[in-house]
Amino acid sequence: MLALGLLFGVVRHRRIAWKLDEDGFAARRGGLWRTETLVPVSRVQHLDLERGPLERRLGLATLVVHTAGTRMAAVKLPLLAAADAEVLRDRLARQTETDDAL
């Protein structure tokens, strides 16, 4: 049963992609049914890192991008390496600060 859970986690992780550019943050997940989400920099309200006990033990984190509006008010990007999640959060935070200054 543990092996099945690990296999599911690995397959799920390989089905998640993200991109950060000057337009905003984009996330894509899924295999057969694919979901793509684009969050413009101007819509980002704040950013969180979530790390449960298992994630901390494995050195992983979930980046949560909170957005303006009611539909899909948060986009979660799970199973990131903790260091990568911190770098992504900091880069996106700097981008939103730059966007606010304009």
C-alpha atoms as a PDB file:
ATOM      1  CA  MET A   1       0.000   0.000   0.000  1.00  0.00           C
ATOM      2  CA  LEU A   2       2.883   2.356   0.781  1.00  0.00           C
ATOM      3  CA  ALA A   3       4.449   1.605  -2.603  1.00  0.00           C
ATOM      4  CA  LEU A   4       1.177   2.487  -4.334  1.00  0.00           C
ATOM      5  CA  GLY A   5       1.050   5.797  -2.464  1.00  0.00           C
ATOM      6  CA  LEU A   6       4.636   6.603  -3.443  1.00  0.00           C
ATOM      7  CA  LEU A   7       3.935   5.720  -7.074  1.00  0.00           C
ATOM      8  CA  PHE A   8       0.857   7.969  -7.073  1.00  0.00           C
ATOM      9  CA  GLY A   9       2.927  10.833  -5.618  1.00  0.00           C
ATOM     10  CA  VAL A  10       5.676  10.457  -8.218  1.00  0.00           C
ATOM     11  CA  VAL A  11       3.195  10.316 -11.111  1.00  0.00           C
ATOM     12  CA  ARG A  12       1.306  13.336  -9.755  1.00  0.00           C
ATOM     13  CA  HIS A  13       4.522  15.301  -9.333  1.00  0.00           C
ATOM     14  CA  ARG A  14       5.567  14.632 -12.924  1.00  0.00           C
ATOM     15  CA  ARG A  15       2.211  15.984 -14.123  1.00  0.00           C
ATOM     16  CA  ILE A  16       2.748  19.437 -12.579  1.00  0.00           C
ATOM     17  CA  ALA A  17       4.538  22.241 -14.429  1.00  0.00           C
ATOM     18  CA  TRP A  18       4.882  25.942 -13.787  1.00  0.00           C
ATOM     19  CA  LYS A  19       6.276  29.032 -15.472  1.00  0.00           C
ATOM     20  CA  LEU A  20       7.066  32.512 -14.196  1.00  0.00           C
ATOM     21  CA  ASP A  21       7.603  35.310 -16.700  1.00  0.00           C
ATOM     22  CA  GLU A  22       6.922  39.033 -16.989  1.00  0.00           C
ATOM     23  CA  ASP A  23       3.205  38.396 -17.609  1.00  0.00           C
ATOM     24  CA  GLY A  24       2.654  36.390 -14.443  1.00  0.00           C
ATOM     25  CA  PHE A  25       2.581  32.926 -12.989  1.00  0.00           C
ATOM     26  CA  ALA A  26       1.261  29.913 -14.913  1.00  0.00           C
ATOM     27  CA  ALA A  27       0.595  26.413 -13.572  1.00  0.00           C
ATOM     28  CA  ARG A  28      -0.372  23.287 -15.478  1.00  0.00           C
ATOM     29  CA  ARG A  29      -1.437  19.985 -13.937  1.00  0.00           C
ATOM     30  CA  GLY A  30      -2.987  16.749 -15.033  1.00  0.00           C
ATOM     31  CA  GLY A  31      -2.464  13.936 -17.472  1.00  0.00           C
ATOM     32  CA  LEU A  32      -5.672  12.957 -19.222  1.00  0.00           C
ATOM     33  CA  TRP A  33      -7.594  16.005 -17.989  1.00  0.00           C
ATOM     34  CA  ARG A  34      -5.250  18.965 -18.041  1.00  0.00           C
ATOM     35  CA  THR A  35      -5.850  22.181 -16.116  1.00  0.00           C
ATOM     36  CA  GLU A  36      -3.936  25.339 -16.948  1.00  0.00           C
ATOM     37  CA  THR A  37      -4.087  28.440 -14.779  1.00  0.00           C
ATOM     38  CA  LEU A  38      -2.554  31.853 -15.492  1.00  0.00           C
ATOM     39  CA  VAL A  39      -2.322  34.412 -12.725  1.00  0.00           C
ATOM     40  CA  PRO A  40      -1.346  37.890 -13.965  1.00  0.00           C
ATOM     41  CA  VAL A  41       1.136  39.639 -11.683  1.00  0.00           C
ATOM     42  CA  SER A  42      -1.387  42.418 -11.054  1.00  0.00           C
ATOM     43  CA  ARG A  43      -3.818  39.877  -9.493  1.00  0.00           C
ATOM     44  CA  VAL A  44      -1.398  38.417  -6.924  1.00  0.00           C
ATOM     45  CA  GLN A  45      -2.406  39.458  -3.395  1.00  0.00           C
ATOM     46  CA  HIS A  46       0.050  37.501  -1.271  1.00  0.00           C
ATOM     47  CA  LEU A  47       2.111  34.307  -1.234  1.00  0.00           C
ATOM     48  CA  ASP A  48       2.382  31.483   1.293  1.00  0.00           C
ATOM     49  CA  LEU A  49       4.546  28.416   1.689  1.00  0.00           C
ATOM     50  CA  GLU A  50       2.843  25.410   3.278  1.00  0.00           C
ATOM     51  CA  ARG A  51       4.918  22.579   4.720  1.00  0.00           C
ATOM     52  CA  GLY A  52       3.239  19.741   6.573  1.00  0.00           C
ATOM     53  CA  PRO A  53       5.188  17.207   8.646  1.00  0.00           C
ATOM     54  CA  LEU A  54       5.745  14.830   5.743  1.00  0.00           C
ATOM     55  CA  GLU A  55       6.723  17.650   3.395  1.00  0.00           C
ATOM     56  CA  ARG A  56       9.246  18.963   5.938  1.00  0.00           C
ATOM     57  CA  ARG A  57      10.731  15.502   6.346  1.00  0.00           C
ATOM     58  CA  LEU A  58      11.072  15.102   2.564  1.00  0.00           C
ATOM     59  CA  GLY A  59      12.324  18.674   1.993  1.00  0.00           C
ATOM     60  CA  LEU A  60       9.226  19.703   0.029  1.00  0.00           C
ATOM     61  CA  ALA A  61       6.807  22.630   0.156  1.00  0.00           C
ATOM     62  CA  THR A  62       3.581  23.869  -1.430  1.00  0.00           C
ATOM     63  CA  LEU A  63       3.521  27.395  -2.836  1.00  0.00           C
ATOM     64  CA  VAL A  64       0.128  29.096  -2.488  1.00  0.00           C
ATOM     65  CA  VAL A  65      -0.509  32.133  -4.693  1.00  0.00           C
ATOM     66  CA  HIS A  66      -3.500  34.081  -3.326  1.00  0.00           C
ATOM     67  CA  THR A  67      -5.255  36.122  -5.987  1.00  0.00           C
ATOM     68  CA  ALA A  68      -7.751  38.948  -6.205  1.00  0.00           C
ATOM     69  CA  GLY A  69     -11.290  37.907  -7.023  1.00  0.00           C
ATOM     70  CA  THR A  70     -13.611  35.169  -5.877  1.00  0.00           C
ATOM     71  CA  ARG A  71     -13.151  32.418  -8.454  1.00  0.00           C
ATOM     72  CA  MET A  72     -10.102  30.276  -7.704  1.00  0.00           C
ATOM     73  CA  ALA A  73      -8.887  32.726  -5.065  1.00  0.00           C
ATOM     74  CA  ALA A  74      -5.729  30.646  -4.518  1.00  0.00           C
ATOM     75  CA  VAL A  75      -3.532  28.582  -6.792  1.00  0.00           C
ATOM     76  CA  LYS A  76      -1.512  25.829  -5.130  1.00  0.00           C
ATOM     77  CA  LEU A  77       1.683  24.397  -6.549  1.00  0.00           C
ATOM     78  CA  PRO A  78       2.480  21.291  -4.480  1.00  0.00           C
ATOM     79  CA  LEU A  79       5.517  19.037  -4.164  1.00  0.00           C
ATOM     80  CA  LEU A  80       8.203  21.622  -4.882  1.00  0.00           C
ATOM     81  CA  ALA A  81      11.661  21.273  -3.409  1.00  0.00           C
ATOM     82  CA  ALA A  82      11.628  23.629  -0.398  1.00  0.00           C
ATOM     83  CA  ALA A  83      14.541  25.719  -1.725  1.00  0.00           C
ATOM     84  CA  ASP A  84      12.883  26.024  -5.152  1.00  0.00           C
ATOM     85  CA  ALA A  85       9.591  27.057  -3.548  1.00  0.00           C
ATOM     86  CA  GLU A  86      11.325  29.807  -1.573  1.00  0.00           C
ATOM     87  CA  VAL A  87      13.139  31.105  -4.667  1.00  0.00           C
ATOM     88  CA  LEU A  88       9.911  31.071  -6.708  1.00  0.00           C
ATOM     89  CA  ARG A  89       8.010  32.849  -3.924  1.00  0.00           C
ATOM     90  CA  ASP A  90      10.709  35.520  -3.620  1.00  0.00           C
ATOM     91  CA  ARG A  91      10.913  36.088  -7.392  1.00  0.00           C
ATOM     92  CA  LEU A  92       7.137  36.379  -7.697  1.00  0.00           C
ATOM     93  CA  ALA A  93       7.021  38.721  -4.680  1.00  0.00           C
ATOM     94  CA  ARG A  94       9.654  40.982  -6.270  1.00  0.00           C
ATOM     95  CA  GLN A  95       7.675  40.976  -9.533  1.00  0.00           C
ATOM     96  CA  THR A  96       4.481  42.017  -7.755  1.00  0.00           C
ATOM     97  CA  GLU A  97       6.319  44.816  -5.923  1.00  0.00           C
ATOM     98  CA  THR A  98       7.698  46.076  -9.237  1.00  0.00           C
ATOM     99  CA  ASP A  99       4.224  45.876 -10.800  1.00  0.00           C
ATOM    100  CA  ASP A 100       2.732  47.842  -7.877  1.00  0.00           C
ATOM    101  CA  ALA A 101       5.322  50.576  -8.318  1.00  0.00           C
ATOM    102  CA  LEU A 102       4.301  51.234 -11.935  1.00  0.00           C
END
